[in-house]
Amino acid sequence: MITPEELLRLETVGVLRNGRRRYDPASKQRLVEACLQPGVSLAGLGRGWRCNTA
């Protein structure tokens, strides 16, 4: 069974020379599906997925 913490984790598949990370397509798909839910805070999701740390 997948825990909520595992759902909220982007899997890094590599890092480019310029420092940008590449993410697993399935992880990105889960993030997109989560963003499409009604009443979702995009900033909150970004912090939860660790792609918005500001």
PDB file of N, CA and C in Angstrom:
ATOM      1  N   MET A   1       0.841  -1.189   0.000  1.00  0.00           N
ATOM      2  CA  MET A   1       0.000   0.000   0.000  1.00  0.00           C
ATOM      3  C   MET A   1       0.882   1.248   0.000  1.00  0.00           C
ATOM      4  N   ILE A   2       0.486   2.239  -0.767  1.00  0.00           N
ATOM      5  CA  ILE A   2       1.252   3.478  -0.869  1.00  0.00           C
ATOM      6  C   ILE A   2       0.806   4.436   0.232  1.00  0.00           C
ATOM      7  N   THR A   3       1.770   4.975   0.961  1.00  0.00           N
ATOM      8  CA  THR A   3       1.469   5.938   2.019  1.00  0.00           C
ATOM      9  C   THR A   3       1.324   7.329   1.418  1.00  0.00           C
ATOM     10  N   PRO A   4       0.647   8.265   2.130  1.00  0.00           N
ATOM     11  CA  PRO A   4       0.528   9.637   1.612  1.00  0.00           C
ATOM     12  C   PRO A   4       1.884  10.297   1.381  1.00  0.00           C
ATOM     13  N   GLU A   5       2.876   9.960   2.199  1.00  0.00           N
ATOM     14  CA  GLU A   5       4.202  10.547   2.012  1.00  0.00           C
ATOM     15  C   GLU A   5       4.815  10.098   0.689  1.00  0.00           C
ATOM     16  N   GLU A   6       4.564   8.845   0.310  1.00  0.00           N
ATOM     17  CA  GLU A   6       5.086   8.353  -0.956  1.00  0.00           C
ATOM     18  C   GLU A   6       4.365   9.000  -2.132  1.00  0.00           C
ATOM     19  N   LEU A   7       3.085   9.288  -1.962  1.00  0.00           N
ATOM     20  CA  LEU A   7       2.350   9.984  -3.021  1.00  0.00           C
ATOM     21  C   LEU A   7       2.887  11.382  -3.226  1.00  0.00           C
ATOM     22  N   LEU A   8       3.355  12.015  -2.153  1.00  0.00           N
ATOM     23  CA  LEU A   8       3.844  13.390  -2.219  1.00  0.00           C
ATOM     24  C   LEU A   8       5.355  13.431  -2.383  1.00  0.00           C
ATOM     25  N   ARG A   9       5.896  12.537  -3.203  1.00  0.00           N
ATOM     26  CA  ARG A   9       7.334  12.538  -3.420  1.00  0.00           C
ATOM     27  C   ARG A   9       7.611  12.461  -4.909  1.00  0.00           C
ATOM     28  N   LEU A  10       8.362  13.437  -5.398  1.00  0.00           N
ATOM     29  CA  LEU A  10       8.796  13.419  -6.792  1.00  0.00           C
ATOM     30  C   LEU A  10      10.088  12.623  -6.867  1.00  0.00           C
ATOM     31  N   GLU A  11      10.113  11.619  -7.715  1.00  0.00           N
ATOM     32  CA  GLU A  11      11.309  10.804  -7.885  1.00  0.00           C
ATOM     33  C   GLU A  11      12.226  11.483  -8.900  1.00  0.00           C
ATOM     34  N   THR A  12      13.445  11.789  -8.491  1.00  0.00           N
ATOM     35  CA  THR A  12      14.435  12.372  -9.382  1.00  0.00           C
ATOM     36  C   THR A  12      15.091  11.262 -10.183  1.00  0.00           C
ATOM     37  N   VAL A  13      15.116  11.411 -11.512  1.00  0.00           N
ATOM     38  CA  VAL A  13      15.741  10.400 -12.351  1.00  0.00           C
ATOM     39  C   VAL A  13      17.099  10.858 -12.870  1.00  0.00           C
ATOM     40  N   GLY A  14      17.431  12.127 -12.664  1.00  0.00           N
ATOM     41  CA  GLY A  14      18.733  12.616 -13.097  1.00  0.00           C
ATOM     42  C   GLY A  14      18.851  14.110 -12.891  1.00  0.00           C
ATOM     43  N   VAL A  15      20.076  14.592 -13.037  1.00  0.00           N
ATOM     44  CA  VAL A  15      20.355  16.025 -12.923  1.00  0.00           C
ATOM     45  C   VAL A  15      21.135  16.432 -14.163  1.00  0.00           C
ATOM     46  N   LEU A  16      20.668  17.495 -14.812  1.00  0.00           N
ATOM     47  CA  LEU A  16      21.342  17.988 -16.011  1.00  0.00           C
ATOM     48  C   LEU A  16      22.598  18.767 -15.635  1.00  0.00           C
ATOM     49  N   ARG A  17      23.429  19.057 -16.611  1.00  0.00           N
ATOM     50  CA  ARG A  17      24.662  19.806 -16.356  1.00  0.00           C
ATOM     51  C   ARG A  17      24.413  21.179 -15.756  1.00  0.00           C
ATOM     52  N   ASN A  18      23.282  21.775 -16.106  1.00  0.00           N
ATOM     53  CA  ASN A  18      22.969  23.113 -15.596  1.00  0.00           C
ATOM     54  C   ASN A  18      22.331  23.069 -14.209  1.00  0.00           C
ATOM     55  N   GLY A  19      22.230  21.878 -13.604  1.00  0.00           N
ATOM     56  CA  GLY A  19      21.708  21.751 -12.255  1.00  0.00           C
ATOM     57  C   GLY A  19      20.218  21.438 -12.176  1.00  0.00           C
ATOM     58  N   ARG A  20      19.525  21.516 -13.298  1.00  0.00           N
ATOM     59  CA  ARG A  20      18.091  21.211 -13.288  1.00  0.00           C
ATOM     60  C   ARG A  20      17.871  19.722 -13.113  1.00  0.00           C
ATOM     61  N   ARG A  21      16.881  19.380 -12.327  1.00  0.00           N
ATOM     62  CA  ARG A  21      16.570  17.979 -12.075  1.00  0.00           C
ATOM     63  C   ARG A  21      15.552  17.464 -13.092  1.00  0.00           C
ATOM     64  N   ARG A  22      15.647  16.173 -13.409  1.00  0.00           N
ATOM     65  CA  ARG A  22      14.661  15.494 -14.244  1.00  0.00           C
ATOM     66  C   ARG A  22      13.880  14.571 -13.332  1.00  0.00           C
ATOM     67  N   TYR A  23      12.559  14.538 -13.524  1.00  0.00           N
ATOM     68  CA  TYR A  23      11.690  13.775 -12.636  1.00  0.00           C
ATOM     69  C   TYR A  23      11.006  12.639 -13.376  1.00  0.00           C
ATOM     70  N   ASP A  24      10.679  11.603 -12.620  1.00  0.00           N
ATOM     71  CA  ASP A  24       9.975  10.437 -13.122  1.00  0.00           C
ATOM     72  C   ASP A  24       8.606  10.856 -13.671  1.00  0.00           C
ATOM     73  N   PRO A  25       8.254  10.439 -14.894  1.00  0.00           N
ATOM     74  CA  PRO A  25       6.959  10.820 -15.482  1.00  0.00           C
ATOM     75  C   PRO A  25       5.755  10.424 -14.622  1.00  0.00           C
ATOM     76  N   ALA A  26       5.800   9.275 -13.966  1.00  0.00           N
ATOM     77  CA  ALA A  26       4.674   8.855 -13.125  1.00  0.00           C
ATOM     78  C   ALA A  26       4.504   9.792 -11.930  1.00  0.00           C
ATOM     79  N   SER A  27       5.616  10.260 -11.360  1.00  0.00           N
ATOM     80  CA  SER A  27       5.553  11.198 -10.246  1.00  0.00           C
ATOM     81  C   SER A  27       4.947  12.521 -10.700  1.00  0.00           C
ATOM     82  N   LYS A  28       5.370  12.977 -11.881  1.00  0.00           N
ATOM     83  CA  LYS A  28       4.822  14.230 -12.407  1.00  0.00           C
ATOM     84  C   LYS A  28       3.333  14.091 -12.692  1.00  0.00           C
ATOM     85  N   GLN A  29       2.913  12.926 -13.190  1.00  0.00           N
ATOM     86  CA  GLN A  29       1.495  12.699 -13.474  1.00  0.00           C
ATOM     87  C   GLN A  29       0.672  12.776 -12.185  1.00  0.00           C
ATOM     88  N   ARG A  30       1.173  12.187 -11.088  1.00  0.00           N
ATOM     89  CA  ARG A  30       0.460  12.259  -9.801  1.00  0.00           C
ATOM     90  C   ARG A  30       0.343  13.705  -9.332  1.00  0.00           C
ATOM     91  N   LEU A  31       1.395  14.509  -9.549  1.00  0.00           N
ATOM     92  CA  LEU A  31       1.355  15.917  -9.162  1.00  0.00           C
ATOM     93  C   LEU A  31       0.304  16.671  -9.973  1.00  0.00           C
ATOM     94  N   VAL A  32       0.254  16.429 -11.272  1.00  0.00           N
ATOM     95  CA  VAL A  32      -0.738  17.089 -12.131  1.00  0.00           C
ATOM     96  C   VAL A  32      -2.148  16.696 -11.702  1.00  0.00           C
ATOM     97  N   GLU A  33      -2.373  15.411 -11.432  1.00  0.00           N
ATOM     98  CA  GLU A  33      -3.699  14.958 -10.998  1.00  0.00           C
ATOM     99  C   GLU A  33      -4.088  15.589  -9.667  1.00  0.00           C
ATOM    100  N   ALA A  34      -3.130  15.749  -8.771  1.00  0.00           N
ATOM    101  CA  ALA A  34      -3.415  16.391  -7.487  1.00  0.00           C
ATOM    102  C   ALA A  34      -3.783  17.860  -7.688  1.00  0.00           C
ATOM    103  N   CYS A  35      -3.139  18.525  -8.651  1.00  0.00           N
ATOM    104  CA  CYS A  35      -3.423  19.942  -8.927  1.00  0.00           C
ATOM    105  C   CYS A  35      -4.825  20.145  -9.487  1.00  0.00           C
ATOM    106  N   LEU A  36      -5.375  19.131 -10.129  1.00  0.00           N
ATOM    107  CA  LEU A  36      -6.688  19.262 -10.760  1.00  0.00           C
ATOM    108  C   LEU A  36      -7.847  19.052  -9.786  1.00  0.00           C
ATOM    109  N   GLN A  37      -7.564  18.704  -8.542  1.00  0.00           N
ATOM    110  CA  GLN A  37      -8.623  18.499  -7.553  1.00  0.00           C
ATOM    111  C   GLN A  37      -9.212  19.839  -7.134  1.00  0.00           C
ATOM    112  N   PRO A  38     -10.534  19.928  -6.924  1.00  0.00           N
ATOM    113  CA  PRO A  38     -11.144  21.193  -6.520  1.00  0.00           C
ATOM    114  C   PRO A  38     -10.651  21.644  -5.148  1.00  0.00           C
ATOM    115  N   GLY A  39     -10.417  22.946  -5.027  1.00  0.00           N
ATOM    116  CA  GLY A  39     -10.032  23.534  -3.744  1.00  0.00           C
ATOM    117  C   GLY A  39      -8.586  23.325  -3.356  1.00  0.00           C
ATOM    118  N   VAL A  40      -7.759  22.891  -4.281  1.00  0.00           N
ATOM    119  CA  VAL A  40      -6.357  22.622  -3.979  1.00  0.00           C
ATOM    120  C   VAL A  40      -5.551  23.909  -4.063  1.00  0.00           C
ATOM    121  N   SER A  41      -4.666  24.111  -3.091  1.00  0.00           N
ATOM    122  CA  SER A  41      -3.736  25.234  -3.106  1.00  0.00           C
ATOM    123  C   SER A  41      -2.484  24.795  -3.858  1.00  0.00           C
ATOM    124  N   LEU A  42      -2.190  25.445  -4.985  1.00  0.00           N
ATOM    125  CA  LEU A  42      -1.020  25.070  -5.768  1.00  0.00           C
ATOM    126  C   LEU A  42       0.275  25.339  -5.008  1.00  0.00           C
ATOM    127  N   ALA A  43       0.327  26.442  -4.269  1.00  0.00           N
ATOM    128  CA  ALA A  43       1.527  26.740  -3.475  1.00  0.00           C
ATOM    129  C   ALA A  43       1.719  25.685  -2.390  1.00  0.00           C
ATOM    130  N   GLY A  44       0.632  25.272  -1.758  1.00  0.00           N
ATOM    131  CA  GLY A  44       0.711  24.243  -0.727  1.00  0.00           C
ATOM    132  C   GLY A  44       1.177  22.914  -1.301  1.00  0.00           C
ATOM    133  N   LEU A  45       0.670  22.568  -2.479  1.00  0.00           N
ATOM    134  CA  LEU A  45       1.125  21.339  -3.135  1.00  0.00           C
ATOM    135  C   LEU A  45       2.601  21.428  -3.482  1.00  0.00           C
ATOM    136  N   GLY A  46       3.031  22.572  -3.962  1.00  0.00           N
ATOM    137  CA  GLY A  46       4.438  22.751  -4.309  1.00  0.00           C
ATOM    138  C   GLY A  46       5.341  22.557  -3.116  1.00  0.00           C
ATOM    139  N   ARG A  47       4.956  23.112  -1.989  1.00  0.00           N
ATOM    140  CA  ARG A  47       5.744  22.910  -0.767  1.00  0.00           C
ATOM    141  C   ARG A  47       5.718  21.455  -0.341  1.00  0.00           C
ATOM    142  N   GLY A  48       4.556  20.816  -0.434  1.00  0.00           N
ATOM    143  CA  GLY A  48       4.446  19.417  -0.055  1.00  0.00           C
ATOM    144  C   GLY A  48       5.256  18.497  -0.956  1.00  0.00           C
ATOM    145  N   TRP A  49       5.350  18.856  -2.234  1.00  0.00           N
ATOM    146  CA  TRP A  49       6.107  18.048  -3.187  1.00  0.00           C
ATOM    147  C   TRP A  49       7.569  18.488  -3.246  1.00  0.00           C
ATOM    148  N   ARG A  50       7.930  19.439  -2.430  1.00  0.00           N
ATOM    149  CA  ARG A  50       9.297  19.979  -2.363  1.00  0.00           C
ATOM    150  C   ARG A  50       9.776  20.553  -3.700  1.00  0.00           C
ATOM    151  N   CYS A  51       8.842  21.129  -4.479  1.00  0.00           N
ATOM    152  CA  CYS A  51       9.282  21.804  -5.700  1.00  0.00           C
ATOM    153  C   CYS A  51       9.082  23.310  -5.566  1.00  0.00           C
ATOM    154  N   ASN A  52       8.633  23.773  -4.416  1.00  0.00           N
ATOM    155  CA  ASN A  52       8.527  25.202  -4.113  1.00  0.00           C
ATOM    156  C   ASN A  52       8.924  25.360  -2.656  1.00  0.00           C
ATOM    157  N   THR A  53      10.207  25.668  -2.420  1.00  0.00           N
ATOM    158  CA  THR A  53      10.695  25.716  -1.048  1.00  0.00           C
ATOM    159  C   THR A  53      10.777  27.132  -0.501  1.00  0.00           C
ATOM    160  N   ALA A  54      10.331  28.114  -1.267  1.00  0.00           N
ATOM    161  CA  ALA A  54      10.396  29.509  -0.811  1.00  0.00           C
ATOM    162  C   ALA A  54       9.274  29.807   0.171  1.00  0.00           C
TER     163      ALA A  54
END
